[in-house]
Amino acid sequence: MSVPAGKLPDMDARWMQRRVYGADHDDPDPGPRPGRDYVELTGGPLDGLLLDVTGWGAADRAEGAALTTEIGSYGAGGKCWYGPRRADPLHWDWQADSP
């Protein structure tokens, strides 16, 4: 998934824009940035967020990621594990939560 270059969206359009994992909650533009590569997280507590995988090698992308979150089963400091779908590597499915 790539983001076309252009002007910033208006406030109504921002509600429709996807949020990137790790963006600050008070960031006025928490969406994807042009020229970056993203995968969509599906299922679990981070469902619908985008993960910036720019610069990740094929092996790293195939492995998936443990993402820190406060909204998983283990609360603050817990992790959510996501990995790529075999048939659609632009979507990473939730696999488990861990402390």
N, C-alpha and C. Protein backbone atom coordinates (compact mmCIF):
# COMPACT_ATOMS: atom_id res chain seq x y z
N MET A 1 0.86 -1.15 0.00
CA MET A 1 0.00 0.00 0.00
C MET A 1 0.90 1.22 0.00
N SER A 2 0.68 2.13 -0.92
CA SER A 2 1.43 3.36 -0.90
C SER A 2 0.45 4.52 -0.89
N VAL A 3 0.92 5.65 -0.45
CA VAL A 3 0.07 6.82 -0.30
C VAL A 3 0.47 7.84 -1.34
N PRO A 4 -0.49 8.33 -2.14
CA PRO A 4 -0.14 9.33 -3.15
C PRO A 4 0.23 10.66 -2.50
N ALA A 5 1.15 11.35 -3.14
CA ALA A 5 1.53 12.67 -2.66
C ALA A 5 0.39 13.65 -2.93
N GLY A 6 0.29 14.67 -2.15
CA GLY A 6 -0.76 15.65 -2.37
C GLY A 6 -0.98 16.47 -1.13
N LYS A 7 -2.00 17.31 -1.17
CA LYS A 7 -2.29 18.17 -0.03
C LYS A 7 -2.87 17.37 1.12
N LEU A 8 -2.76 17.94 2.32
CA LEU A 8 -3.33 17.29 3.49
C LEU A 8 -4.85 17.24 3.35
N PRO A 9 -5.48 16.17 3.81
CA PRO A 9 -6.93 16.08 3.72
C PRO A 9 -7.60 17.09 4.66
N ASP A 10 -8.84 17.46 4.34
CA ASP A 10 -9.57 18.35 5.25
C ASP A 10 -10.00 17.56 6.48
N MET A 11 -10.56 18.24 7.47
CA MET A 11 -10.90 17.59 8.75
C MET A 11 -11.90 16.47 8.57
N ASP A 12 -12.91 16.61 7.69
CA ASP A 12 -13.87 15.53 7.49
C ASP A 12 -13.18 14.30 6.91
N ALA A 13 -12.27 14.50 6.00
CA ALA A 13 -11.57 13.38 5.38
C ALA A 13 -10.64 12.68 6.37
N ARG A 14 -10.15 13.40 7.36
CA ARG A 14 -9.25 12.79 8.34
C ARG A 14 -9.93 11.70 9.14
N TRP A 15 -11.23 11.81 9.36
CA TRP A 15 -11.95 10.75 10.08
C TRP A 15 -11.91 9.45 9.29
N MET A 16 -11.82 9.54 7.97
CA MET A 16 -11.79 8.36 7.11
C MET A 16 -10.36 7.83 6.91
N GLN A 17 -9.37 8.63 7.26
CA GLN A 17 -7.99 8.25 7.04
C GLN A 17 -7.55 7.18 8.03
N ARG A 18 -6.73 6.29 7.59
CA ARG A 18 -6.24 5.21 8.43
C ARG A 18 -5.18 5.72 9.39
N ARG A 19 -5.16 5.18 10.59
CA ARG A 19 -4.20 5.56 11.63
C ARG A 19 -3.02 4.58 11.59
N VAL A 20 -1.83 5.09 11.78
CA VAL A 20 -0.62 4.28 11.78
C VAL A 20 -0.27 3.88 13.22
N TYR A 21 0.03 2.61 13.43
CA TYR A 21 0.45 2.12 14.74
C TYR A 21 1.66 2.93 15.20
N GLY A 22 1.61 3.37 16.44
CA GLY A 22 2.72 4.12 17.02
C GLY A 22 2.60 5.63 16.87
N ALA A 23 1.61 6.10 16.10
CA ALA A 23 1.43 7.55 15.97
C ALA A 23 0.94 8.11 17.30
N ASP A 24 1.41 9.27 17.66
CA ASP A 24 0.97 9.93 18.89
C ASP A 24 -0.52 10.21 18.82
N HIS A 25 -1.19 10.08 19.95
CA HIS A 25 -2.63 10.33 19.99
C HIS A 25 -2.97 11.78 19.69
N ASP A 26 -2.05 12.69 19.95
CA ASP A 26 -2.33 14.10 19.67
C ASP A 26 -1.73 14.56 18.34
N ASP A 27 -1.22 13.63 17.54
CA ASP A 27 -0.69 13.95 16.21
C ASP A 27 -1.85 14.43 15.33
N PRO A 28 -1.74 15.63 14.77
CA PRO A 28 -2.82 16.13 13.93
C PRO A 28 -2.95 15.36 12.61
N ASP A 29 -1.95 14.59 12.24
CA ASP A 29 -1.99 13.81 11.00
C ASP A 29 -1.41 12.41 11.27
N PRO A 30 -2.19 11.53 11.94
CA PRO A 30 -1.67 10.22 12.34
C PRO A 30 -1.73 9.16 11.24
N GLY A 31 -2.04 9.59 10.03
CA GLY A 31 -2.21 8.64 8.94
C GLY A 31 -0.92 8.31 8.22
N PRO A 32 -1.04 7.51 7.17
CA PRO A 32 0.13 7.10 6.40
C PRO A 32 0.81 8.27 5.71
N ARG A 33 2.09 8.14 5.49
CA ARG A 33 2.90 9.17 4.85
C ARG A 33 3.28 8.72 3.44
N PRO A 34 3.36 9.66 2.51
CA PRO A 34 3.78 9.32 1.15
C PRO A 34 5.17 8.68 1.16
N GLY A 35 5.36 7.70 0.27
CA GLY A 35 6.66 7.07 0.11
C GLY A 35 6.99 6.01 1.14
N ARG A 36 6.05 5.67 2.01
CA ARG A 36 6.27 4.66 3.04
C ARG A 36 5.49 3.40 2.66
N ASP A 37 5.89 2.25 3.19
CA ASP A 37 5.21 0.98 2.95
C ASP A 37 4.49 0.54 4.22
N TYR A 38 3.23 0.10 4.06
CA TYR A 38 2.41 -0.27 5.20
C TYR A 38 1.75 -1.62 4.98
N VAL A 39 1.45 -2.29 6.08
CA VAL A 39 0.58 -3.46 6.08
C VAL A 39 -0.58 -3.13 7.01
N GLU A 40 -1.73 -3.74 6.76
CA GLU A 40 -2.90 -3.52 7.60
C GLU A 40 -3.01 -4.63 8.64
N LEU A 41 -3.19 -4.25 9.89
CA LEU A 41 -3.36 -5.21 10.98
C LEU A 41 -4.84 -5.58 11.05
N THR A 42 -5.11 -6.89 11.10
CA THR A 42 -6.49 -7.35 11.12
C THR A 42 -6.72 -8.27 12.31
N GLY A 43 -7.85 -8.05 12.98
CA GLY A 43 -8.19 -8.83 14.16
C GLY A 43 -7.43 -8.33 15.37
N GLY A 44 -7.80 -8.85 16.52
CA GLY A 44 -7.11 -8.48 17.76
C GLY A 44 -7.29 -7.03 18.13
N PRO A 45 -6.57 -6.58 19.14
CA PRO A 45 -6.76 -5.23 19.66
C PRO A 45 -6.29 -4.10 18.74
N LEU A 46 -5.46 -4.39 17.77
CA LEU A 46 -4.95 -3.35 16.88
C LEU A 46 -5.62 -3.38 15.50
N ASP A 47 -6.76 -4.03 15.43
CA ASP A 47 -7.50 -4.19 14.18
C ASP A 47 -7.70 -2.86 13.47
N GLY A 48 -7.35 -2.82 12.20
CA GLY A 48 -7.57 -1.63 11.38
C GLY A 48 -6.41 -0.66 11.33
N LEU A 49 -5.44 -0.79 12.24
CA LEU A 49 -4.28 0.10 12.20
C LEU A 49 -3.34 -0.32 11.08
N LEU A 50 -2.54 0.62 10.62
CA LEU A 50 -1.50 0.34 9.64
C LEU A 50 -0.16 0.25 10.36
N LEU A 51 0.69 -0.65 9.92
CA LEU A 51 2.04 -0.80 10.47
C LEU A 51 3.04 -0.40 9.40
N ASP A 52 3.91 0.53 9.71
CA ASP A 52 4.94 0.99 8.78
C ASP A 52 6.04 -0.07 8.71
N VAL A 53 6.20 -0.67 7.54
CA VAL A 53 7.22 -1.71 7.36
C VAL A 53 8.29 -1.25 6.37
N THR A 54 8.39 0.05 6.17
CA THR A 54 9.40 0.61 5.27
C THR A 54 10.78 0.16 5.72
N GLY A 55 11.55 -0.39 4.82
CA GLY A 55 12.91 -0.82 5.13
C GLY A 55 13.02 -2.22 5.71
N TRP A 56 11.90 -2.87 5.98
CA TRP A 56 11.94 -4.24 6.49
C TRP A 56 12.30 -5.18 5.34
N GLY A 57 13.20 -6.08 5.57
CA GLY A 57 13.55 -7.08 4.58
C GLY A 57 12.48 -8.16 4.48
N ALA A 58 12.60 -9.00 3.46
CA ALA A 58 11.62 -10.07 3.23
C ALA A 58 11.53 -11.01 4.43
N ALA A 59 12.66 -11.35 5.04
CA ALA A 59 12.66 -12.26 6.19
C ALA A 59 11.93 -11.64 7.38
N ASP A 60 12.18 -10.35 7.62
CA ASP A 60 11.49 -9.68 8.73
C ASP A 60 9.99 -9.61 8.49
N ARG A 61 9.60 -9.32 7.26
CA ARG A 61 8.16 -9.26 6.95
C ARG A 61 7.52 -10.64 7.07
N ALA A 62 8.23 -11.67 6.68
CA ALA A 62 7.68 -13.03 6.78
C ALA A 62 7.52 -13.47 8.23
N GLU A 63 8.36 -12.95 9.11
CA GLU A 63 8.32 -13.32 10.52
C GLU A 63 7.16 -12.67 11.27
N GLY A 64 6.75 -11.47 10.84
CA GLY A 64 5.71 -10.75 11.56
C GLY A 64 6.31 -9.92 12.68
N ALA A 65 5.47 -9.53 13.65
CA ALA A 65 5.96 -8.64 14.69
C ALA A 65 5.16 -8.78 15.98
N ALA A 66 5.85 -8.53 17.09
CA ALA A 66 5.22 -8.41 18.40
C ALA A 66 5.12 -6.91 18.69
N LEU A 67 3.91 -6.40 18.78
CA LEU A 67 3.67 -4.97 18.92
C LEU A 67 3.18 -4.65 20.32
N THR A 68 3.83 -3.73 20.98
CA THR A 68 3.46 -3.33 22.33
C THR A 68 2.13 -2.58 22.29
N THR A 69 1.25 -2.93 23.23
CA THR A 69 -0.03 -2.24 23.33
C THR A 69 -0.57 -2.31 24.75
N GLU A 70 -1.34 -1.32 25.12
CA GLU A 70 -1.99 -1.31 26.43
C GLU A 70 -3.38 -1.91 26.38
N ILE A 71 -3.88 -2.18 25.18
CA ILE A 71 -5.26 -2.64 25.05
C ILE A 71 -5.39 -4.13 24.76
N GLY A 72 -4.30 -4.88 24.88
CA GLY A 72 -4.36 -6.33 24.70
C GLY A 72 -4.76 -7.02 25.99
N SER A 73 -4.73 -8.32 25.98
CA SER A 73 -5.14 -9.13 27.13
C SER A 73 -4.29 -8.91 28.37
N TYR A 74 -3.05 -8.45 28.20
CA TYR A 74 -2.13 -8.32 29.32
C TYR A 74 -1.94 -6.87 29.78
N GLY A 75 -2.72 -5.95 29.23
CA GLY A 75 -2.64 -4.55 29.67
C GLY A 75 -1.33 -3.88 29.30
N ALA A 76 -0.99 -2.84 30.07
CA ALA A 76 0.21 -2.05 29.78
C ALA A 76 1.45 -2.94 29.71
N GLY A 77 2.24 -2.75 28.67
CA GLY A 77 3.45 -3.53 28.49
C GLY A 77 3.24 -4.85 27.77
N GLY A 78 1.99 -5.23 27.56
CA GLY A 78 1.71 -6.47 26.84
C GLY A 78 2.01 -6.32 25.35
N LYS A 79 2.04 -7.44 24.68
CA LYS A 79 2.32 -7.45 23.24
C LYS A 79 1.22 -8.19 22.50
N CYS A 80 1.02 -7.78 21.26
CA CYS A 80 0.12 -8.45 20.33
C CYS A 80 0.97 -8.95 19.18
N TRP A 81 0.81 -10.21 18.85
CA TRP A 81 1.59 -10.81 17.78
C TRP A 81 0.77 -10.82 16.50
N TYR A 82 1.36 -10.29 15.43
CA TYR A 82 0.72 -10.25 14.12
C TYR A 82 1.66 -10.86 13.09
N GLY A 83 1.08 -11.56 12.12
CA GLY A 83 1.89 -12.15 11.05
C GLY A 83 1.17 -12.05 9.73
N PRO A 84 1.92 -12.10 8.63
CA PRO A 84 1.35 -11.92 7.30
C PRO A 84 0.45 -13.09 6.89
N ARG A 85 -0.58 -12.78 6.16
CA ARG A 85 -1.42 -13.82 5.53
C ARG A 85 -0.63 -14.42 4.39
N ARG A 86 -0.77 -15.69 4.20
CA ARG A 86 -0.04 -16.34 3.10
C ARG A 86 -0.48 -15.81 1.74
N ALA A 87 -1.78 -15.68 1.54
CA ALA A 87 -2.30 -15.27 0.24
C ALA A 87 -2.34 -13.76 0.06
N ASP A 88 -2.12 -13.00 1.12
CA ASP A 88 -2.24 -11.55 1.05
C ASP A 88 -1.29 -10.90 2.06
N PRO A 89 0.00 -10.78 1.72
CA PRO A 89 0.98 -10.27 2.67
C PRO A 89 0.82 -8.80 3.05
N LEU A 90 -0.12 -8.07 2.42
CA LEU A 90 -0.38 -6.69 2.83
C LEU A 90 -1.33 -6.63 4.02
N HIS A 91 -1.85 -7.78 4.44
CA HIS A 91 -2.68 -7.88 5.64
C HIS A 91 -1.99 -8.82 6.61
N TRP A 92 -1.82 -8.35 7.84
CA TRP A 92 -1.23 -9.18 8.89
C TRP A 92 -2.32 -9.50 9.90
N ASP A 93 -2.50 -10.78 10.18
CA ASP A 93 -3.54 -11.23 11.09
C ASP A 93 -3.02 -11.37 12.51
N TRP A 94 -3.91 -11.04 13.46
CA TRP A 94 -3.61 -11.21 14.88
C TRP A 94 -3.44 -12.69 15.16
N GLN A 95 -2.41 -13.02 15.96
CA GLN A 95 -2.13 -14.41 16.29
C GLN A 95 -2.29 -14.69 17.77
N ALA A 96 -1.87 -13.77 18.63
CA ALA A 96 -1.94 -13.99 20.07
C ALA A 96 -1.53 -12.73 20.81
N ASP A 97 -1.84 -12.71 22.09
CA ASP A 97 -1.33 -11.69 23.01
C ASP A 97 -0.34 -12.37 23.95
N SER A 98 0.62 -11.61 24.45
CA SER A 98 1.56 -12.15 25.42
C SER A 98 1.95 -11.05 26.40
N PRO A 99 2.44 -11.45 27.58
CA PRO A 99 2.86 -10.44 28.57
C PRO A 99 4.13 -9.71 28.11
